[in-house]
Amino acid sequence: MKEVTKEVYLKWYEDMLLWRKFEDKLAALYIQQKVRGFLHLYNGQEAVLAGALHAMDLTKDKMITAYRNHVQPIGMGVDPRRVMAELLGKVTGTSKGMGGSMHIFSKEHRFYGGHGIVGGQIPVGAGLAFADKYFETGGVTMTYFGDGAARQGSLHEAFNMAMLWKLPVVFIVENNGYAMGTSVERTANHTDIWKLGLGYEMPCGPVDGMNPVKVAEAMTEAIDRARRGDGPTFLEMKTYRYRGHSMSDAQLYRSKEEVEEYKKIDPITQVLDLIKEEKYATNEEIEIIDKRVKDLVQECVDFAEESAYPEIQQLYDVVYAQEDYPFIPHKL
């Protein structure tokens, strides 16, 4: 694994803090009805992304996930201002304002969504990996889904094909305990989701998803295996979300005390405590990072709010053009 240095810890802290504050601002904008539709926040699960990015090669590796998908593209290199603009439905967004919260996408940065169909991205991730194997790109696809999606039949089909063809894919279930609002204990007669991989003789195991170092270690091993041509791995990231499934979730299925207990192992706090313990940064230097994050989030909001909404013509410009049907001009 790449060494976890002082610089890595400082980057983790700044990145995870940006992702948290970015989404905190989104929550406020949602209440103001500036973000419409659904809004699924990642608060608490940031270590899963931070650790994975440390293990990935962003020049060729890909990522695909479900609809809790705002911070992943930022981590992959997408301009956070464009992500914010997409969430506000503006033309400067990643999909020109037409994808919204659940469908962030960037071909340039190899982030393939944002998928609203529960579990729908699992076979698509295997398909992306098949393309990498076919074209010999050396890339590996990180395919994320939640504990609720682990009950989908498409998972078993994808696992079977991925093992049969030794596809360069890492399947990652982010087990935050409750899916949309039903605990893991109530959805199956087993609680160790990672054991689903055993039925396909797929390397698999649990990972502390609240610690970016543990995530990076497991992801490095899995990515190396895939890149060698030895096929997929299935990892269960045991994590927790501090907010509801979506902004409309009353969270009646868990207690406030339970949430507070998990906040004691907040990944951002864990990293910050180590930075202070190892004297990687002074309090003044940490304050500078905090201000830099705060300013960037505000810059994203300003950019999005000052951007225009799409013109109606755009609806016609994004459908398939037909050569023998010249009556509707296409610009895109």
C-alpha atoms as a PDB file:
ATOM      1  CA  MET A   1       0.000   0.000   0.000  1.00  0.00           C
ATOM      2  CA  LYS A   2       1.106   3.559  -0.651  1.00  0.00           C
ATOM      3  CA  GLU A   3       2.524   5.030   2.526  1.00  0.00           C
ATOM      4  CA  VAL A   4       0.102   6.974   4.714  1.00  0.00           C
ATOM      5  CA  THR A   5       2.190  10.069   5.363  1.00  0.00           C
ATOM      6  CA  LYS A   6       1.604  13.372   7.116  1.00  0.00           C
ATOM      7  CA  GLU A   7       0.529  14.827   3.766  1.00  0.00           C
ATOM      8  CA  VAL A   8      -2.008  12.019   3.282  1.00  0.00           C
ATOM      9  CA  TYR A   9      -3.574  12.649   6.693  1.00  0.00           C
ATOM     10  CA  LEU A  10      -3.816  16.372   6.013  1.00  0.00           C
ATOM     11  CA  LYS A  11      -5.380  15.716   2.617  1.00  0.00           C
ATOM     12  CA  TRP A  12      -7.824  13.232   4.141  1.00  0.00           C
ATOM     13  CA  TYR A  13      -8.844  15.797   6.740  1.00  0.00           C
ATOM     14  CA  GLU A  14      -9.363  18.572   4.207  1.00  0.00           C
ATOM     15  CA  ASP A  15     -11.155  16.334   1.690  1.00  0.00           C
ATOM     16  CA  MET A  16     -13.493  14.714   4.206  1.00  0.00           C
ATOM     17  CA  LEU A  17     -14.240  18.073   5.825  1.00  0.00           C
ATOM     18  CA  LEU A  18     -15.069  19.530   2.399  1.00  0.00           C
ATOM     19  CA  TRP A  19     -17.401  16.632   1.612  1.00  0.00           C
ATOM     20  CA  ARG A  20     -19.143  16.988   4.999  1.00  0.00           C
ATOM     21  CA  LYS A  21     -19.535  20.782   4.809  1.00  0.00           C
ATOM     22  CA  PHE A  22     -20.569  20.622   1.138  1.00  0.00           C
ATOM     23  CA  GLU A  23     -23.428  18.307   2.056  1.00  0.00           C
ATOM     24  CA  ASP A  24     -24.330  20.248   5.195  1.00  0.00           C
ATOM     25  CA  LYS A  25     -24.839  23.232   2.910  1.00  0.00           C
ATOM     26  CA  LEU A  26     -26.916  21.080   0.560  1.00  0.00           C
ATOM     27  CA  ALA A  27     -29.173  20.154   3.480  1.00  0.00           C
ATOM     28  CA  ALA A  28     -29.732  23.855   4.180  1.00  0.00           C
ATOM     29  CA  LEU A  29     -30.418  24.576   0.507  1.00  0.00           C
ATOM     30  CA  TYR A  30     -32.874  21.666   0.401  1.00  0.00           C
ATOM     31  CA  ILE A  31     -34.848  23.167   3.280  1.00  0.00           C
ATOM     32  CA  GLN A  32     -34.914  26.429   1.308  1.00  0.00           C
ATOM     33  CA  GLN A  33     -36.311  24.405  -1.656  1.00  0.00           C
ATOM     34  CA  LYS A  34     -33.330  25.310  -3.826  1.00  0.00           C
ATOM     35  CA  VAL A  35     -32.497  21.600  -4.178  1.00  0.00           C
ATOM     36  CA  ARG A  36     -35.553  19.722  -5.421  1.00  0.00           C
ATOM     37  CA  GLY A  37     -36.552  16.068  -5.426  1.00  0.00           C
ATOM     38  CA  PHE A  38     -34.647  13.664  -3.193  1.00  0.00           C
ATOM     39  CA  LEU A  39     -31.385  14.320  -1.357  1.00  0.00           C
ATOM     40  CA  HIS A  40     -29.358  11.444   0.118  1.00  0.00           C
ATOM     41  CA  LEU A  41     -26.392  12.590   2.206  1.00  0.00           C
ATOM     42  CA  TYR A  42     -23.113  10.779   2.902  1.00  0.00           C
ATOM     43  CA  ASN A  43     -22.374  12.226   6.373  1.00  0.00           C
ATOM     44  CA  GLY A  44     -20.431   9.652   8.403  1.00  0.00           C
ATOM     45  CA  GLN A  45     -19.340   7.467   5.499  1.00  0.00           C
ATOM     46  CA  GLU A  46     -16.499   9.675   4.218  1.00  0.00           C
ATOM     47  CA  ALA A  47     -13.698   7.298   5.255  1.00  0.00           C
ATOM     48  CA  VAL A  48     -14.954   4.740   2.725  1.00  0.00           C
ATOM     49  CA  LEU A  49     -14.235   7.166  -0.106  1.00  0.00           C
ATOM     50  CA  ALA A  50     -11.043   8.680   1.329  1.00  0.00           C
ATOM     51  CA  GLY A  51      -9.423   5.262   1.812  1.00  0.00           C
ATOM     52  CA  ALA A  52     -10.465   4.035  -1.620  1.00  0.00           C
ATOM     53  CA  LEU A  53      -9.061   7.084  -3.412  1.00  0.00           C
ATOM     54  CA  HIS A  54      -5.709   6.494  -1.679  1.00  0.00           C
ATOM     55  CA  ALA A  55      -5.591   3.011  -3.222  1.00  0.00           C
ATOM     56  CA  MET A  56      -6.882   3.894  -6.694  1.00  0.00           C
ATOM     57  CA  ASP A  57      -5.101   5.038  -9.839  1.00  0.00           C
ATOM     58  CA  LEU A  58      -7.277   7.971 -10.918  1.00  0.00           C
ATOM     59  CA  THR A  59      -5.714   7.994 -14.394  1.00  0.00           C
ATOM     60  CA  LYS A  60      -7.513   4.764 -15.325  1.00  0.00           C
ATOM     61  CA  ASP A  61      -9.682   3.376 -12.504  1.00  0.00           C
ATOM     62  CA  LYS A  62     -13.445   3.923 -12.538  1.00  0.00           C
ATOM     63  CA  MET A  63     -16.150   4.331  -9.928  1.00  0.00           C
ATOM     64  CA  ILE A  64     -19.895   3.720  -9.980  1.00  0.00           C
ATOM     65  CA  THR A  65     -22.382   3.978  -7.113  1.00  0.00           C
ATOM     66  CA  ALA A  66     -26.024   4.484  -6.159  1.00  0.00           C
ATOM     67  CA  TYR A  67     -27.789   7.776  -5.462  1.00  0.00           C
ATOM     68  CA  ARG A  68     -25.773   8.797  -2.372  1.00  0.00           C
ATOM     69  CA  ASN A  69     -23.320  10.208  -4.868  1.00  0.00           C
ATOM     70  CA  HIS A  70     -22.427  13.866  -4.375  1.00  0.00           C
ATOM     71  CA  VAL A  71     -18.963  13.642  -2.821  1.00  0.00           C
ATOM     72  CA  GLN A  72     -17.537  10.739  -4.850  1.00  0.00           C
ATOM     73  CA  PRO A  73     -17.212  12.731  -8.103  1.00  0.00           C
ATOM     74  CA  ILE A  74     -15.552  15.561  -6.172  1.00  0.00           C
ATOM     75  CA  GLY A  75     -13.021  13.037  -4.872  1.00  0.00           C
ATOM     76  CA  MET A  76     -12.490  11.756  -8.419  1.00  0.00           C
ATOM     77  CA  GLY A  77     -11.623  15.272  -9.602  1.00  0.00           C
ATOM     78  CA  VAL A  78     -14.920  16.807 -10.735  1.00  0.00           C
ATOM     79  CA  ASP A  79     -15.185  20.560 -10.036  1.00  0.00           C
ATOM     80  CA  PRO A  80     -17.359  20.833  -6.874  1.00  0.00           C
ATOM     81  CA  ARG A  81     -18.952  23.986  -8.276  1.00  0.00           C
ATOM     82  CA  ARG A  82     -20.401  21.943 -11.147  1.00  0.00           C
ATOM     83  CA  VAL A  83     -21.698  19.320  -8.722  1.00  0.00           C
ATOM     84  CA  MET A  84     -23.430  22.028  -6.692  1.00  0.00           C
ATOM     85  CA  ALA A  85     -24.850  23.556  -9.871  1.00  0.00           C
ATOM     86  CA  GLU A  86     -26.250  20.167 -10.928  1.00  0.00           C
ATOM     87  CA  LEU A  87     -27.980  19.793  -7.589  1.00  0.00           C
ATOM     88  CA  LEU A  88     -29.604  23.174  -8.075  1.00  0.00           C
ATOM     89  CA  GLY A  89     -30.696  22.217 -11.590  1.00  0.00           C
ATOM     90  CA  LYS A  90     -28.487  24.759 -13.348  1.00  0.00           C
ATOM     91  CA  VAL A  91     -27.095  24.599 -16.878  1.00  0.00           C
ATOM     92  CA  THR A  92     -23.507  24.734 -15.571  1.00  0.00           C
ATOM     93  CA  GLY A  93     -24.018  21.412 -13.752  1.00  0.00           C
ATOM     94  CA  THR A  94     -22.371  18.098 -14.586  1.00  0.00           C
ATOM     95  CA  SER A  95     -25.398  17.054 -16.659  1.00  0.00           C
ATOM     96  CA  LYS A  96     -26.517  20.568 -17.615  1.00  0.00           C
ATOM     97  CA  GLY A  97     -29.005  20.559 -14.751  1.00  0.00           C
ATOM     98  CA  MET A  98     -30.993  17.550 -15.969  1.00  0.00           C
ATOM     99  CA  GLY A  99     -29.606  14.809 -13.716  1.00  0.00           C
ATOM    100  CA  GLY A 100     -30.001  16.386 -10.314  1.00  0.00           C
ATOM    101  CA  SER A 101     -29.045  14.913  -6.967  1.00  0.00           C
ATOM    102  CA  MET A 102     -29.298  11.229  -7.842  1.00  0.00           C
ATOM    103  CA  HIS A 103     -27.477  11.262 -11.178  1.00  0.00           C
ATOM    104  CA  ILE A 104     -24.098  13.003 -10.964  1.00  0.00           C
ATOM    105  CA  PHE A 105     -21.898  11.769 -13.823  1.00  0.00           C
ATOM    106  CA  SER A 106     -18.512  12.530 -15.365  1.00  0.00           C
ATOM    107  CA  LYS A 107     -17.054  10.516 -18.224  1.00  0.00           C
ATOM    108  CA  GLU A 108     -13.935  12.710 -18.136  1.00  0.00           C
ATOM    109  CA  HIS A 109     -13.165  11.724 -14.544  1.00  0.00           C
ATOM    110  CA  ARG A 110     -14.390   8.122 -14.928  1.00  0.00           C
ATOM    111  CA  PHE A 111     -17.286   8.552 -12.505  1.00  0.00           C
ATOM    112  CA  TYR A 112     -20.248   6.670 -13.954  1.00  0.00           C
ATOM    113  CA  GLY A 113     -23.067   7.733 -11.634  1.00  0.00           C
ATOM    114  CA  GLY A 114     -25.335   8.113  -9.566  1.00  0.00           C
ATOM    115  CA  HIS A 115     -28.045   5.437 -10.218  1.00  0.00           C
ATOM    116  CA  GLY A 116     -31.593   5.703  -8.909  1.00  0.00           C
ATOM    117  CA  ILE A 117     -32.573   2.050  -9.354  1.00  0.00           C
ATOM    118  CA  VAL A 118     -31.582   0.155  -6.211  1.00  0.00           C
ATOM    119  CA  GLY A 119     -28.834  -2.283  -7.189  1.00  0.00           C
ATOM    120  CA  GLY A 120     -29.037  -1.280 -10.847  1.00  0.00           C
ATOM    121  CA  GLN A 121     -25.414  -0.113 -10.883  1.00  0.00           C
ATOM    122  CA  ILE A 122     -24.007  -3.508  -9.770  1.00  0.00           C
ATOM    123  CA  PRO A 123     -24.148  -5.257 -13.178  1.00  0.00           C
ATOM    124  CA  VAL A 124     -23.229  -1.977 -14.897  1.00  0.00           C
ATOM    125  CA  GLY A 125     -20.052  -1.862 -12.803  1.00  0.00           C
ATOM    126  CA  ALA A 126     -19.250  -5.407 -13.886  1.00  0.00           C
ATOM    127  CA  GLY A 127     -19.827  -4.295 -17.474  1.00  0.00           C
ATOM    128  CA  LEU A 128     -17.390  -1.404 -17.108  1.00  0.00           C
ATOM    129  CA  ALA A 129     -14.833  -3.889 -15.785  1.00  0.00           C
ATOM    130  CA  PHE A 130     -15.524  -6.188 -18.727  1.00  0.00           C
ATOM    131  CA  ALA A 131     -14.670  -3.298 -21.075  1.00  0.00           C
ATOM    132  CA  ASP A 132     -11.385  -2.707 -19.247  1.00  0.00           C
ATOM    133  CA  LYS A 133     -10.498  -6.388 -19.551  1.00  0.00           C
ATOM    134  CA  TYR A 134     -11.512  -6.508 -23.225  1.00  0.00           C
ATOM    135  CA  PHE A 135      -9.540  -3.401 -24.174  1.00  0.00           C
ATOM    136  CA  GLU A 136      -6.667  -4.214 -21.779  1.00  0.00           C
ATOM    137  CA  THR A 137      -6.668  -0.757 -20.182  1.00  0.00           C
ATOM    138  CA  GLY A 138      -5.323  -1.946 -16.837  1.00  0.00           C
ATOM    139  CA  GLY A 139      -8.174  -0.138 -15.102  1.00  0.00           C
ATOM    140  CA  VAL A 140     -10.246  -1.430 -12.196  1.00  0.00           C
ATOM    141  CA  THR A 141     -13.878  -0.496 -11.461  1.00  0.00           C
ATOM    142  CA  MET A 142     -15.042   0.253  -7.910  1.00  0.00           C
ATOM    143  CA  THR A 143     -18.707  -0.770  -7.750  1.00  0.00           C
ATOM    144  CA  TYR A 144     -20.505   0.566  -4.670  1.00  0.00           C
ATOM    145  CA  PHE A 145     -23.959  -0.215  -3.322  1.00  0.00           C
ATOM    146  CA  GLY A 146     -25.806  -0.127  -0.019  1.00  0.00           C
ATOM    147  CA  ASP A 147     -26.832  -2.935   2.312  1.00  0.00           C
ATOM    148  CA  GLY A 148     -30.386  -2.764   0.968  1.00  0.00           C
ATOM    149  CA  ALA A 149     -29.188  -3.389  -2.589  1.00  0.00           C
ATOM    150  CA  ALA A 150     -27.320  -6.503  -1.425  1.00  0.00           C
ATOM    151  CA  ARG A 151     -30.682  -8.309  -1.519  1.00  0.00           C
ATOM    152  CA  GLN A 152     -31.139  -7.718  -5.259  1.00  0.00           C
ATOM    153  CA  GLY A 153     -30.969 -10.646  -7.677  1.00  0.00           C
ATOM    154  CA  SER A 154     -28.795  -8.622 -10.042  1.00  0.00           C
ATOM    155  CA  LEU A 155     -25.995  -8.812  -7.466  1.00  0.00           C
ATOM    156  CA  HIS A 156     -25.848 -12.604  -7.780  1.00  0.00           C
ATOM    157  CA  GLU A 157     -25.885 -12.476 -11.567  1.00  0.00           C
ATOM    158  CA  ALA A 158     -23.068  -9.916 -11.578  1.00  0.00           C
ATOM    159  CA  PHE A 159     -21.022 -11.850  -9.010  1.00  0.00           C
ATOM    160  CA  ASN A 160     -21.328 -15.046 -11.023  1.00  0.00           C
ATOM    161  CA  MET A 161     -20.250 -13.443 -14.323  1.00  0.00           C
ATOM    162  CA  ALA A 162     -17.461 -11.434 -12.687  1.00  0.00           C
ATOM    163  CA  MET A 163     -15.939 -14.569 -11.181  1.00  0.00           C
ATOM    164  CA  LEU A 164     -16.435 -16.617 -14.337  1.00  0.00           C
ATOM    165  CA  TRP A 165     -14.608 -14.039 -16.447  1.00  0.00           C
ATOM    166  CA  LYS A 166     -12.214 -12.814 -13.702  1.00  0.00           C
ATOM    167  CA  LEU A 167     -13.276  -9.221 -14.237  1.00  0.00           C
ATOM    168  CA  PRO A 168     -11.177  -6.381 -12.759  1.00  0.00           C
ATOM    169  CA  VAL A 169     -13.861  -5.132 -10.385  1.00  0.00           C
ATOM    170  CA  VAL A 170     -14.095  -4.483  -6.652  1.00  0.00           C
ATOM    171  CA  PHE A 171     -17.626  -4.822  -5.262  1.00  0.00           C
ATOM    172  CA  ILE A 172     -18.141  -2.703  -2.139  1.00  0.00           C
ATOM    173  CA  VAL A 173     -21.249  -2.764   0.034  1.00  0.00           C
ATOM    174  CA  GLU A 174     -21.439   0.305   2.270  1.00  0.00           C
ATOM    175  CA  ASN A 175     -23.316  -1.251   5.156  1.00  0.00           C
ATOM    176  CA  ASN A 176     -24.654   1.679   7.172  1.00  0.00           C
ATOM    177  CA  GLY A 177     -27.020  -0.627   9.012  1.00  0.00           C
ATOM    178  CA  TYR A 178     -30.434   0.488   7.852  1.00  0.00           C
ATOM    179  CA  ALA A 179     -30.776   0.549   4.044  1.00  0.00           C
ATOM    180  CA  MET A 180     -33.731   2.926   3.497  1.00  0.00           C
ATOM    181  CA  GLY A 181     -34.978   2.430   7.046  1.00  0.00           C
ATOM    182  CA  THR A 182     -34.992  -1.294   7.813  1.00  0.00           C
ATOM    183  CA  SER A 183     -32.143  -2.779   9.820  1.00  0.00           C
ATOM    184  CA  VAL A 184     -29.949  -5.497   8.355  1.00  0.00           C
ATOM    185  CA  GLU A 185     -31.177  -7.860  11.081  1.00  0.00           C
ATOM    186  CA  ARG A 186     -34.734  -7.589   9.719  1.00  0.00           C
ATOM    187  CA  THR A 187     -33.921  -8.146   6.038  1.00  0.00           C
ATOM    188  CA  ALA A 188     -32.065 -11.459   6.129  1.00  0.00           C
ATOM    189  CA  ASN A 189     -31.230 -14.379   8.387  1.00  0.00           C
ATOM    190  CA  HIS A 190     -27.553 -13.385   8.277  1.00  0.00           C
ATOM    191  CA  THR A 191     -25.901 -10.086   9.166  1.00  0.00           C
ATOM    192  CA  ASP A 192     -22.432 -10.621   7.651  1.00  0.00           C
ATOM    193  CA  ILE A 193     -23.166  -9.413   4.138  1.00  0.00           C
ATOM    194  CA  TRP A 194     -19.592 -10.077   2.983  1.00  0.00           C
ATOM    195  CA  LYS A 195     -20.260 -13.831   3.267  1.00  0.00           C
ATOM    196  CA  LEU A 196     -22.392 -13.618   0.106  1.00  0.00           C
ATOM    197  CA  GLY A 197     -19.080 -13.726  -1.753  1.00  0.00           C
ATOM    198  CA  LEU A 198     -18.306 -17.176  -0.382  1.00  0.00           C
ATOM    199  CA  GLY A 199     -21.006 -18.743  -2.559  1.00  0.00           C
ATOM    200  CA  TYR A 200     -18.986 -17.715  -5.628  1.00  0.00           C
ATOM    201  CA  GLU A 201     -15.564 -18.445  -4.097  1.00  0.00           C
ATOM    202  CA  MET A 202     -14.920 -14.717  -4.363  1.00  0.00           C
ATOM    203  CA  PRO A 203     -12.320 -13.227  -2.004  1.00  0.00           C
ATOM    204  CA  CYS A 204     -14.360 -11.281   0.538  1.00  0.00           C
ATOM    205  CA  GLY A 205     -14.329  -9.843   4.029  1.00  0.00           C
ATOM    206  CA  PRO A 206     -15.430  -7.117   6.454  1.00  0.00           C
ATOM    207  CA  VAL A 207     -13.667  -3.740   6.749  1.00  0.00           C
ATOM    208  CA  ASP A 208     -13.826  -0.962   9.358  1.00  0.00           C
ATOM    209  CA  GLY A 209     -15.472   1.646   7.132  1.00  0.00           C
ATOM    210  CA  MET A 210     -15.020   4.426   9.689  1.00  0.00           C
ATOM    211  CA  ASN A 211     -11.206   4.310   9.405  1.00  0.00           C
ATOM    212  CA  PRO A 212      -9.612   5.448   6.112  1.00  0.00           C
ATOM    213  CA  VAL A 213      -6.403   3.517   6.811  1.00  0.00           C
ATOM    214  CA  LYS A 214      -8.282   0.210   7.172  1.00  0.00           C
ATOM    215  CA  VAL A 215     -10.248   1.010   4.007  1.00  0.00           C
ATOM    216  CA  ALA A 216      -7.060   1.859   2.083  1.00  0.00           C
ATOM    217  CA  GLU A 217      -5.422  -1.411   3.160  1.00  0.00           C
ATOM    218  CA  ALA A 218      -8.351  -3.566   2.059  1.00  0.00           C
ATOM    219  CA  MET A 219      -8.881  -1.642  -1.175  1.00  0.00           C
ATOM    220  CA  THR A 220      -5.193  -1.806  -2.105  1.00  0.00           C
ATOM    221  CA  GLU A 221      -5.209  -5.587  -1.779  1.00  0.00           C
ATOM    222  CA  ALA A 222      -8.423  -5.893  -3.802  1.00  0.00           C
ATOM    223  CA  ILE A 223      -7.312  -3.499  -6.545  1.00  0.00           C
ATOM    224  CA  ASP A 224      -3.921  -5.198  -6.853  1.00  0.00           C
ATOM    225  CA  ARG A 225      -5.659  -8.565  -7.216  1.00  0.00           C
ATOM    226  CA  ALA A 226      -7.951  -7.226  -9.929  1.00  0.00           C
ATOM    227  CA  ARG A 227      -5.108  -5.527 -11.796  1.00  0.00           C
ATOM    228  CA  ARG A 228      -3.104  -8.760 -11.805  1.00  0.00           C
ATOM    229  CA  GLY A 229      -5.963 -10.466 -13.591  1.00  0.00           C
ATOM    230  CA  ASP A 230      -7.050 -12.547 -10.600  1.00  0.00           C
ATOM    231  CA  GLY A 231     -10.623 -11.282 -10.631  1.00  0.00           C
ATOM    232  CA  PRO A 232     -13.025  -9.526  -8.271  1.00  0.00           C
ATOM    233  CA  THR A 233     -13.203  -8.980  -4.517  1.00  0.00           C
ATOM    234  CA  PHE A 234     -16.250  -8.288  -2.350  1.00  0.00           C
ATOM    235  CA  LEU A 235     -15.733  -5.979   0.646  1.00  0.00           C
ATOM    236  CA  GLU A 236     -18.269  -5.054   3.304  1.00  0.00           C
ATOM    237  CA  MET A 237     -17.519  -1.573   4.608  1.00  0.00           C
ATOM    238  CA  LYS A 238     -19.096  -1.381   8.047  1.00  0.00           C
ATOM    239  CA  THR A 239     -20.028   2.279   8.291  1.00  0.00           C
ATOM    240  CA  TYR A 240     -22.814   4.560   9.530  1.00  0.00           C
ATOM    241  CA  ARG A 241     -24.780   7.509   8.221  1.00  0.00           C
ATOM    242  CA  TYR A 242     -25.474  10.337  10.634  1.00  0.00           C
ATOM    243  CA  ARG A 243     -28.427  11.673   8.673  1.00  0.00           C
ATOM    244  CA  GLY A 244     -31.509   9.852   7.444  1.00  0.00           C
ATOM    245  CA  HIS A 245     -31.737   7.804   4.293  1.00  0.00           C
ATOM    246  CA  SER A 246     -32.866  11.013   2.592  1.00  0.00           C
ATOM    247  CA  MET A 247     -33.840  14.463   3.798  1.00  0.00           C
ATOM    248  CA  SER A 248     -37.458  13.294   4.110  1.00  0.00           C
ATOM    249  CA  ASP A 249     -36.534  10.453   6.501  1.00  0.00           C
ATOM    250  CA  ALA A 250     -37.937  10.871  10.040  1.00  0.00           C
ATOM    251  CA  GLN A 251     -35.471   8.204  11.298  1.00  0.00           C
ATOM    252  CA  LEU A 252     -38.007   6.520  13.578  1.00  0.00           C
ATOM    253  CA  TYR A 253     -36.136   3.214  13.284  1.00  0.00           C
ATOM    254  CA  ARG A 254     -33.171   4.277  15.445  1.00  0.00           C
ATOM    255  CA  SER A 255     -32.505   6.308  18.570  1.00  0.00           C
ATOM    256  CA  LYS A 256     -30.677   9.623  18.859  1.00  0.00           C
ATOM    257  CA  GLU A 257     -28.449   7.952  21.447  1.00  0.00           C
ATOM    258  CA  GLU A 258     -27.290   5.397  18.888  1.00  0.00           C
ATOM    259  CA  VAL A 259     -26.373   8.136  16.411  1.00  0.00           C
ATOM    260  CA  GLU A 260     -24.414   9.985  19.101  1.00  0.00           C
ATOM    261  CA  GLU A 261     -22.499   6.799  19.948  1.00  0.00           C
ATOM    262  CA  TYR A 262     -21.383   6.437  16.341  1.00  0.00           C
ATOM    263  CA  LYS A 263     -20.350  10.098  16.225  1.00  0.00           C
ATOM    264  CA  LYS A 264     -17.689   9.205  18.775  1.00  0.00           C
ATOM    265  CA  ILE A 265     -15.886   7.332  15.965  1.00  0.00           C
ATOM    266  CA  ASP A 266     -16.514   9.996  13.314  1.00  0.00           C
ATOM    267  CA  PRO A 267     -13.872   9.442  10.587  1.00  0.00           C
ATOM    268  CA  ILE A 268     -13.108  13.164  10.385  1.00  0.00           C
ATOM    269  CA  THR A 269     -12.555  13.364  14.129  1.00  0.00           C
ATOM    270  CA  GLN A 270     -10.359  10.244  14.061  1.00  0.00           C
ATOM    271  CA  VAL A 271      -8.100  11.769  11.424  1.00  0.00           C
ATOM    272  CA  LEU A 272      -8.001  15.176  13.121  1.00  0.00           C
ATOM    273  CA  ASP A 273      -7.119  13.612  16.482  1.00  0.00           C
ATOM    274  CA  LEU A 274      -4.177  11.771  14.896  1.00  0.00           C
ATOM    275  CA  ILE A 275      -3.003  14.963  13.159  1.00  0.00           C
ATOM    276  CA  LYS A 276      -2.933  16.731  16.524  1.00  0.00           C
ATOM    277  CA  GLU A 277      -1.410  13.761  18.338  1.00  0.00           C
ATOM    278  CA  GLU A 278       1.428  13.446  15.812  1.00  0.00           C
ATOM    279  CA  LYS A 279       1.773  17.243  15.587  1.00  0.00           C
ATOM    280  CA  TYR A 280       1.286  17.153  11.806  1.00  0.00           C
ATOM    281  CA  ALA A 281      -0.309  20.617  11.968  1.00  0.00           C
ATOM    282  CA  THR A 282      -0.688  23.426  14.482  1.00  0.00           C
ATOM    283  CA  ASN A 283      -4.076  24.746  15.563  1.00  0.00           C
ATOM    284  CA  GLU A 284      -3.470  27.770  13.354  1.00  0.00           C
ATOM    285  CA  GLU A 285      -2.752  25.560  10.326  1.00  0.00           C
ATOM    286  CA  ILE A 286      -5.911  23.543  10.992  1.00  0.00           C
ATOM    287  CA  GLU A 287      -7.909  26.777  11.173  1.00  0.00           C
ATOM    288  CA  ILE A 288      -6.503  27.759   7.762  1.00  0.00           C
ATOM    289  CA  ILE A 289      -7.714  24.430   6.317  1.00  0.00           C
ATOM    290  CA  ASP A 290     -11.132  24.944   7.914  1.00  0.00           C
ATOM    291  CA  LYS A 291     -11.420  28.412   6.411  1.00  0.00           C
ATOM    292  CA  ARG A 292     -10.281  27.190   3.004  1.00  0.00           C
ATOM    293  CA  VAL A 293     -13.033  24.565   3.060  1.00  0.00           C
ATOM    294  CA  LYS A 294     -15.648  27.065   4.222  1.00  0.00           C
ATOM    295  CA  ASP A 295     -14.675  29.505   1.464  1.00  0.00           C
ATOM    296  CA  LEU A 296     -14.764  26.800  -1.225  1.00  0.00           C
ATOM    297  CA  VAL A 297     -18.239  25.652  -0.178  1.00  0.00           C
ATOM    298  CA  GLN A 298     -19.490  29.237  -0.349  1.00  0.00           C
ATOM    299  CA  GLU A 299     -17.852  29.634  -3.761  1.00  0.00           C
ATOM    300  CA  CYS A 300     -19.754  26.561  -4.940  1.00  0.00           C
ATOM    301  CA  VAL A 301     -23.047  27.994  -3.682  1.00  0.00           C
ATOM    302  CA  ASP A 302     -22.407  31.378  -5.304  1.00  0.00           C
ATOM    303  CA  PHE A 303     -21.472  29.751  -8.608  1.00  0.00           C
ATOM    304  CA  ALA A 304     -24.600  27.589  -8.608  1.00  0.00           C
ATOM    305  CA  GLU A 305     -27.011  30.326  -7.595  1.00  0.00           C
ATOM    306  CA  GLU A 306     -25.593  32.761 -10.152  1.00  0.00           C
ATOM    307  CA  SER A 307     -25.827  30.181 -12.968  1.00  0.00           C
ATOM    308  CA  ALA A 308     -28.805  30.094 -15.319  1.00  0.00           C
ATOM    309  CA  TYR A 309     -31.458  27.400 -15.567  1.00  0.00           C
ATOM    310  CA  PRO A 310     -31.431  25.401 -18.831  1.00  0.00           C
ATOM    311  CA  GLU A 311     -33.399  26.720 -21.799  1.00  0.00           C
ATOM    312  CA  ILE A 312     -36.414  24.649 -22.882  1.00  0.00           C
ATOM    313  CA  GLN A 313     -34.662  23.953 -26.210  1.00  0.00           C
ATOM    314  CA  GLN A 314     -32.167  21.793 -24.301  1.00  0.00           C
ATOM    315  CA  LEU A 315     -34.865  19.134 -23.882  1.00  0.00           C
ATOM    316  CA  TYR A 316     -34.802  18.616 -27.646  1.00  0.00           C
ATOM    317  CA  ASP A 317     -31.031  18.844 -27.955  1.00  0.00           C
ATOM    318  CA  VAL A 318     -30.308  15.809 -25.780  1.00  0.00           C
ATOM    319  CA  VAL A 319     -32.500  13.243 -27.544  1.00  0.00           C
ATOM    320  CA  TYR A 320     -31.175  11.052 -30.344  1.00  0.00           C
ATOM    321  CA  ALA A 321     -30.819  12.844 -33.678  1.00  0.00           C
ATOM    322  CA  GLN A 322     -32.301  11.158 -36.725  1.00  0.00           C
ATOM    323  CA  GLU A 323     -30.847  12.004 -40.116  1.00  0.00           C
ATOM    324  CA  ASP A 324     -34.118  11.647 -42.019  1.00  0.00           C
ATOM    325  CA  TYR A 325     -36.043  13.742 -39.485  1.00  0.00           C
ATOM    326  CA  PRO A 326     -34.608  17.239 -39.966  1.00  0.00           C
ATOM    327  CA  PHE A 327     -37.417  19.238 -38.373  1.00  0.00           C
ATOM    328  CA  ILE A 328     -35.909  19.619 -34.871  1.00  0.00           C
ATOM    329  CA  PRO A 329     -32.368  21.032 -34.932  1.00  0.00           C
ATOM    330  CA  HIS A 330     -29.844  19.584 -32.494  1.00  0.00           C
ATOM    331  CA  LYS A 331     -27.001  21.565 -30.955  1.00  0.00           C
ATOM    332  CA  LEU A 332     -25.314  19.164 -28.548  1.00  0.00           C
END
